């Protein structure tokens, strides 16, 4: 018969910890099943569709095993992220094009409109690409990537800096 723990062949530092006495503690009761099914997130694999009450709160299990719950945004793919970066660069170039083209036409355009009207139109044209990009980006957060890209491409078509395109940075204005 063994007289206690001091008679063990090996003794490690910290063996005097009272939480290590397995025989002294009562066995833990098994965990009771949860009565609230909403506490655990529910997710279905790809190809399954939830129907009925609270079906909008059912998530998706991706192929890599990650769970995407409703309301969570999916990360952009590499191609979408690259396209977004290229479009952002083009919008920046359009802003610069509006600045250069507008300054280049300032003397000629002020013969047609008042200087105050020209300055207002000039600054609206300069901030238009930035506003379009920001608005399209924010409003299409929960949309598919192709919707976001198509909105940004539509803005590129509408916001071409025509003064820069027609006159250029070093072109001459017809006298």
C-alpha atoms as a PDB file:
ATOM      1  CA  UNK A   1       0.000   0.000   0.000  1.00  0.00           C
ATOM      2  CA  UNK A   2       1.210   3.468  -0.829  1.00  0.00           C
ATOM      3  CA  UNK A   3       1.413   6.074   1.885  1.00  0.00           C
ATOM      4  CA  UNK A   4       0.903   9.157  -0.325  1.00  0.00           C
ATOM      5  CA  UNK A   5       2.269  11.244  -3.060  1.00  0.00           C
ATOM      6  CA  UNK A   6       5.656  11.623  -1.377  1.00  0.00           C
ATOM      7  CA  UNK A   7       6.338   7.973  -2.079  1.00  0.00           C
ATOM      8  CA  UNK A   8       6.113   8.447  -5.852  1.00  0.00           C
ATOM      9  CA  UNK A   9       9.273   7.606  -7.763  1.00  0.00           C
ATOM     10  CA  UNK A  10       9.251  10.969  -9.589  1.00  0.00           C
ATOM     11  CA  UNK A  11       8.462  14.280  -8.013  1.00  0.00           C
ATOM     12  CA  UNK A  12       8.059  17.429 -10.087  1.00  0.00           C
ATOM     13  CA  UNK A  13       7.988  21.046  -8.992  1.00  0.00           C
ATOM     14  CA  UNK A  14       4.404  22.216  -8.519  1.00  0.00           C
ATOM     15  CA  UNK A  15       3.055  18.814  -7.426  1.00  0.00           C
ATOM     16  CA  UNK A  16       1.830  20.443  -4.217  1.00  0.00           C
ATOM     17  CA  UNK A  17      -0.866  22.297  -6.202  1.00  0.00           C
ATOM     18  CA  UNK A  18      -4.268  21.356  -4.712  1.00  0.00           C
ATOM     19  CA  UNK A  19      -5.900  21.366  -8.138  1.00  0.00           C
ATOM     20  CA  UNK A  20      -3.834  18.330  -9.061  1.00  0.00           C
ATOM     21  CA  UNK A  21      -5.540  16.111  -6.499  1.00  0.00           C
ATOM     22  CA  UNK A  22      -7.812  14.194  -8.797  1.00  0.00           C
ATOM     23  CA  UNK A  23      -9.307  11.984  -6.139  1.00  0.00           C
ATOM     24  CA  UNK A  24     -10.275  14.883  -3.849  1.00  0.00           C
ATOM     25  CA  UNK A  25     -12.437  16.720  -6.374  1.00  0.00           C
ATOM     26  CA  UNK A  26     -15.887  15.562  -7.341  1.00  0.00           C
ATOM     27  CA  UNK A  27     -16.250  14.428 -10.939  1.00  0.00           C
ATOM     28  CA  UNK A  28     -17.516  17.121 -13.239  1.00  0.00           C
ATOM     29  CA  UNK A  29     -21.094  16.785 -14.379  1.00  0.00           C
ATOM     30  CA  UNK A  30     -21.599  16.496 -18.140  1.00  0.00           C
ATOM     31  CA  UNK A  31     -22.567  19.736 -19.828  1.00  0.00           C
ATOM     32  CA  UNK A  32     -26.283  20.160 -20.262  1.00  0.00           C
ATOM     33  CA  UNK A  33     -27.509  20.729 -23.812  1.00  0.00           C
ATOM     34  CA  UNK A  34     -28.285  24.324 -24.652  1.00  0.00           C
ATOM     35  CA  UNK A  35     -31.901  25.345 -24.712  1.00  0.00           C
ATOM     36  CA  UNK A  36     -31.178  28.421 -26.831  1.00  0.00           C
ATOM     37  CA  UNK A  37     -30.437  27.316 -30.423  1.00  0.00           C
ATOM     38  CA  UNK A  38     -29.754  30.939 -31.427  1.00  0.00           C
ATOM     39  CA  UNK A  39     -26.633  30.971 -29.240  1.00  0.00           C
ATOM     40  CA  UNK A  40     -24.728  28.773 -31.669  1.00  0.00           C
ATOM     41  CA  UNK A  41     -24.185  30.008 -35.225  1.00  0.00           C
ATOM     42  CA  UNK A  42     -25.745  27.761 -37.849  1.00  0.00           C
ATOM     43  CA  UNK A  43     -24.051  27.303 -41.212  1.00  0.00           C
ATOM     44  CA  UNK A  44     -24.732  25.138 -44.251  1.00  0.00           C
ATOM     45  CA  UNK A  45     -22.290  23.889 -46.880  1.00  0.00           C
ATOM     46  CA  UNK A  46     -22.322  25.314 -50.394  1.00  0.00           C
ATOM     47  CA  UNK A  47     -25.254  24.028 -52.422  1.00  0.00           C
ATOM     48  CA  UNK A  48     -27.713  23.931 -49.514  1.00  0.00           C
ATOM     49  CA  UNK A  49     -30.323  26.637 -48.967  1.00  0.00           C
ATOM     50  CA  UNK A  50     -31.991  27.425 -45.660  1.00  0.00           C
ATOM     51  CA  UNK A  51     -35.741  28.015 -45.762  1.00  0.00           C
ATOM     52  CA  UNK A  52     -38.281  28.992 -43.148  1.00  0.00           C
ATOM     53  CA  UNK A  53     -38.093  31.024 -39.990  1.00  0.00           C
ATOM     54  CA  UNK A  54     -34.681  32.643 -39.333  1.00  0.00           C
ATOM     55  CA  UNK A  55     -33.276  31.354 -42.628  1.00  0.00           C
ATOM     56  CA  UNK A  56     -31.645  34.757 -43.181  1.00  0.00           C
ATOM     57  CA  UNK A  57     -29.375  34.134 -40.185  1.00  0.00           C
ATOM     58  CA  UNK A  58     -27.893  30.892 -41.555  1.00  0.00           C
ATOM     59  CA  UNK A  59     -24.279  31.172 -42.677  1.00  0.00           C
ATOM     60  CA  UNK A  60     -22.269  29.383 -45.360  1.00  0.00           C
ATOM     61  CA  UNK A  61     -19.421  26.913 -44.982  1.00  0.00           C
ATOM     62  CA  UNK A  62     -16.757  27.659 -47.584  1.00  0.00           C
ATOM     63  CA  UNK A  63     -14.662  25.021 -49.353  1.00  0.00           C
ATOM     64  CA  UNK A  64     -11.676  25.762 -47.095  1.00  0.00           C
ATOM     65  CA  UNK A  65     -13.796  25.086 -43.982  1.00  0.00           C
ATOM     66  CA  UNK A  66     -14.257  28.716 -42.934  1.00  0.00           C
ATOM     67  CA  UNK A  67     -17.727  29.886 -41.946  1.00  0.00           C
ATOM     68  CA  UNK A  68     -19.162  33.103 -43.436  1.00  0.00           C
ATOM     69  CA  UNK A  69     -22.160  34.411 -41.526  1.00  0.00           C
ATOM     70  CA  UNK A  70     -24.722  36.799 -43.030  1.00  0.00           C
ATOM     71  CA  UNK A  71     -23.685  40.403 -42.706  1.00  0.00           C
ATOM     72  CA  UNK A  72     -19.996  39.539 -42.814  1.00  0.00           C
ATOM     73  CA  UNK A  73     -18.225  40.838 -45.865  1.00  0.00           C
ATOM     74  CA  UNK A  74     -16.265  38.401 -47.948  1.00  0.00           C
ATOM     75  CA  UNK A  75     -12.706  39.445 -48.717  1.00  0.00           C
ATOM     76  CA  UNK A  76     -12.015  40.581 -52.258  1.00  0.00           C
ATOM     77  CA  UNK A  77     -10.352  38.133 -54.583  1.00  0.00           C
ATOM     78  CA  UNK A  78      -6.896  38.906 -55.903  1.00  0.00           C
ATOM     79  CA  UNK A  79      -8.231  39.832 -59.346  1.00  0.00           C
ATOM     80  CA  UNK A  80     -10.892  42.136 -57.893  1.00  0.00           C
ATOM     81  CA  UNK A  81      -8.347  43.761 -55.599  1.00  0.00           C
ATOM     82  CA  UNK A  82      -5.962  44.369 -58.499  1.00  0.00           C
ATOM     83  CA  UNK A  83      -8.769  45.762 -60.661  1.00  0.00           C
ATOM     84  CA  UNK A  84      -9.816  48.045 -57.815  1.00  0.00           C
ATOM     85  CA  UNK A  85      -6.243  49.306 -57.453  1.00  0.00           C
ATOM     86  CA  UNK A  86      -5.891  49.959 -61.176  1.00  0.00           C
ATOM     87  CA  UNK A  87      -9.230  51.784 -61.276  1.00  0.00           C
ATOM     88  CA  UNK A  88      -8.240  53.877 -58.249  1.00  0.00           C
ATOM     89  CA  UNK A  89      -5.041  54.849 -60.067  1.00  0.00           C
ATOM     90  CA  UNK A  90      -6.983  55.831 -63.184  1.00  0.00           C
ATOM     91  CA  UNK A  91      -9.356  57.933 -61.062  1.00  0.00           C
ATOM     92  CA  UNK A  92      -6.326  59.677 -59.549  1.00  0.00           C
ATOM     93  CA  UNK A  93      -5.016  60.365 -63.057  1.00  0.00           C
ATOM     94  CA  UNK A  94      -8.423  61.723 -64.055  1.00  0.00           C
ATOM     95  CA  UNK A  95      -8.322  64.104 -61.089  1.00  0.00           C
ATOM     96  CA  UNK A  96      -4.876  65.312 -62.160  1.00  0.00           C
ATOM     97  CA  UNK A  97      -6.112  65.563 -65.760  1.00  0.00           C
ATOM     98  CA  UNK A  98      -9.007  67.789 -64.689  1.00  0.00           C
ATOM     99  CA  UNK A  99      -6.603  70.029 -62.755  1.00  0.00           C
ATOM    100  CA  UNK A 100      -4.095  70.351 -65.605  1.00  0.00           C
ATOM    101  CA  UNK A 101      -6.725  70.704 -68.331  1.00  0.00           C
ATOM    102  CA  UNK A 102      -8.790  73.176 -66.314  1.00  0.00           C
ATOM    103  CA  UNK A 103      -5.812  75.388 -65.520  1.00  0.00           C
ATOM    104  CA  UNK A 104      -4.746  75.247 -69.162  1.00  0.00           C
ATOM    105  CA  UNK A 105      -8.175  76.498 -70.346  1.00  0.00           C
ATOM    106  CA  UNK A 106      -8.667  79.055 -67.591  1.00  0.00           C
ATOM    107  CA  UNK A 107      -7.842  82.133 -69.682  1.00  0.00           C
ATOM    108  CA  UNK A 108      -9.962  81.070 -72.642  1.00  0.00           C
ATOM    109  CA  UNK A 109     -12.949  79.873 -70.626  1.00  0.00           C
ATOM    110  CA  UNK A 110     -13.230  83.083 -68.625  1.00  0.00           C
ATOM    111  CA  UNK A 111     -14.214  84.922 -71.808  1.00  0.00           C
ATOM    112  CA  UNK A 112     -17.347  82.767 -71.884  1.00  0.00           C
ATOM    113  CA  UNK A 113     -18.294  82.541 -68.181  1.00  0.00           C
ATOM    114  CA  UNK A 114     -17.677  84.639 -65.097  1.00  0.00           C
ATOM    115  CA  UNK A 115     -14.515  83.909 -63.100  1.00  0.00           C
ATOM    116  CA  UNK A 116     -16.589  82.812 -60.098  1.00  0.00           C
ATOM    117  CA  UNK A 117     -18.624  80.416 -62.258  1.00  0.00           C
ATOM    118  CA  UNK A 118     -15.450  79.052 -63.813  1.00  0.00           C
ATOM    119  CA  UNK A 119     -13.814  78.434 -60.416  1.00  0.00           C
ATOM    120  CA  UNK A 120     -16.924  76.655 -59.114  1.00  0.00           C
ATOM    121  CA  UNK A 121     -17.127  74.432 -62.202  1.00  0.00           C
ATOM    122  CA  UNK A 122     -13.364  73.822 -62.116  1.00  0.00           C
ATOM    123  CA  UNK A 123     -13.346  72.584 -58.508  1.00  0.00           C
ATOM    124  CA  UNK A 124     -16.481  70.504 -59.011  1.00  0.00           C
ATOM    125  CA  UNK A 125     -14.801  68.845 -61.995  1.00  0.00           C
ATOM    126  CA  UNK A 126     -11.631  68.228 -59.967  1.00  0.00           C
ATOM    127  CA  UNK A 127     -13.438  66.519 -57.068  1.00  0.00           C
ATOM    128  CA  UNK A 128     -15.917  64.614 -59.262  1.00  0.00           C
ATOM    129  CA  UNK A 129     -13.641  61.553 -59.815  1.00  0.00           C
ATOM    130  CA  UNK A 130     -12.864  61.313 -56.098  1.00  0.00           C
ATOM    131  CA  UNK A 131     -16.535  61.625 -55.156  1.00  0.00           C
ATOM    132  CA  UNK A 132     -17.605  59.043 -57.763  1.00  0.00           C
ATOM    133  CA  UNK A 133     -14.965  56.535 -56.646  1.00  0.00           C
ATOM    134  CA  UNK A 134     -15.822  56.961 -52.956  1.00  0.00           C
ATOM    135  CA  UNK A 135     -19.564  56.786 -53.546  1.00  0.00           C
ATOM    136  CA  UNK A 136     -19.353  53.719 -55.795  1.00  0.00           C
ATOM    137  CA  UNK A 137     -17.034  51.999 -53.335  1.00  0.00           C
ATOM    138  CA  UNK A 138     -19.231  52.652 -50.300  1.00  0.00           C
ATOM    139  CA  UNK A 139     -22.584  51.919 -51.949  1.00  0.00           C
ATOM    140  CA  UNK A 140     -21.415  48.610 -53.439  1.00  0.00           C
ATOM    141  CA  UNK A 141     -19.850  47.179 -50.260  1.00  0.00           C
ATOM    142  CA  UNK A 142     -22.334  44.337 -49.996  1.00  0.00           C
ATOM    143  CA  UNK A 143     -22.671  43.782 -53.767  1.00  0.00           C
ATOM    144  CA  UNK A 144     -20.758  41.340 -55.915  1.00  0.00           C
ATOM    145  CA  UNK A 145     -17.312  42.388 -57.141  1.00  0.00           C
ATOM    146  CA  UNK A 146     -18.453  42.693 -60.772  1.00  0.00           C
ATOM    147  CA  UNK A 147     -21.133  45.224 -59.761  1.00  0.00           C
ATOM    148  CA  UNK A 148     -18.534  47.375 -58.003  1.00  0.00           C
ATOM    149  CA  UNK A 149     -16.146  47.158 -60.949  1.00  0.00           C
ATOM    150  CA  UNK A 150     -18.881  47.995 -63.480  1.00  0.00           C
ATOM    151  CA  UNK A 151     -19.961  51.070 -61.460  1.00  0.00           C
ATOM    152  CA  UNK A 152     -16.373  52.264 -61.361  1.00  0.00           C
ATOM    153  CA  UNK A 153     -15.888  51.674 -65.097  1.00  0.00           C
ATOM    154  CA  UNK A 154     -19.104  53.608 -65.816  1.00  0.00           C
ATOM    155  CA  UNK A 155     -17.647  56.503 -63.833  1.00  0.00           C
ATOM    156  CA  UNK A 156     -14.491  56.398 -65.935  1.00  0.00           C
ATOM    157  CA  UNK A 157     -16.561  56.695 -69.089  1.00  0.00           C
ATOM    158  CA  UNK A 158     -18.539  59.645 -67.700  1.00  0.00           C
ATOM    159  CA  UNK A 159     -15.666  61.546 -66.107  1.00  0.00           C
ATOM    160  CA  UNK A 160     -13.092  61.675 -68.892  1.00  0.00           C
ATOM    161  CA  UNK A 161     -11.093  64.914 -68.451  1.00  0.00           C
ATOM    162  CA  UNK A 162     -11.980  66.385 -71.851  1.00  0.00           C
ATOM    163  CA  UNK A 163      -9.995  69.631 -71.463  1.00  0.00           C
ATOM    164  CA  UNK A 164      -6.838  67.575 -70.972  1.00  0.00           C
ATOM    165  CA  UNK A 165      -7.718  65.136 -73.745  1.00  0.00           C
ATOM    166  CA  UNK A 166      -8.547  67.861 -76.288  1.00  0.00           C
ATOM    167  CA  UNK A 167      -5.841  70.389 -75.440  1.00  0.00           C
ATOM    168  CA  UNK A 168      -3.304  68.399 -73.503  1.00  0.00           C
ATOM    169  CA  UNK A 169      -0.715  69.663 -71.076  1.00  0.00           C
ATOM    170  CA  UNK A 170       1.491  71.380 -73.673  1.00  0.00           C
ATOM    171  CA  UNK A 171      -0.917  71.759 -76.612  1.00  0.00           C
ATOM    172  CA  UNK A 172      -1.793  75.124 -78.025  1.00  0.00           C
ATOM    173  CA  UNK A 173      -5.232  76.625 -77.970  1.00  0.00           C
ATOM    174  CA  UNK A 174      -6.492  77.696 -81.390  1.00  0.00           C
ATOM    175  CA  UNK A 175      -6.340  81.471 -81.671  1.00  0.00           C
END
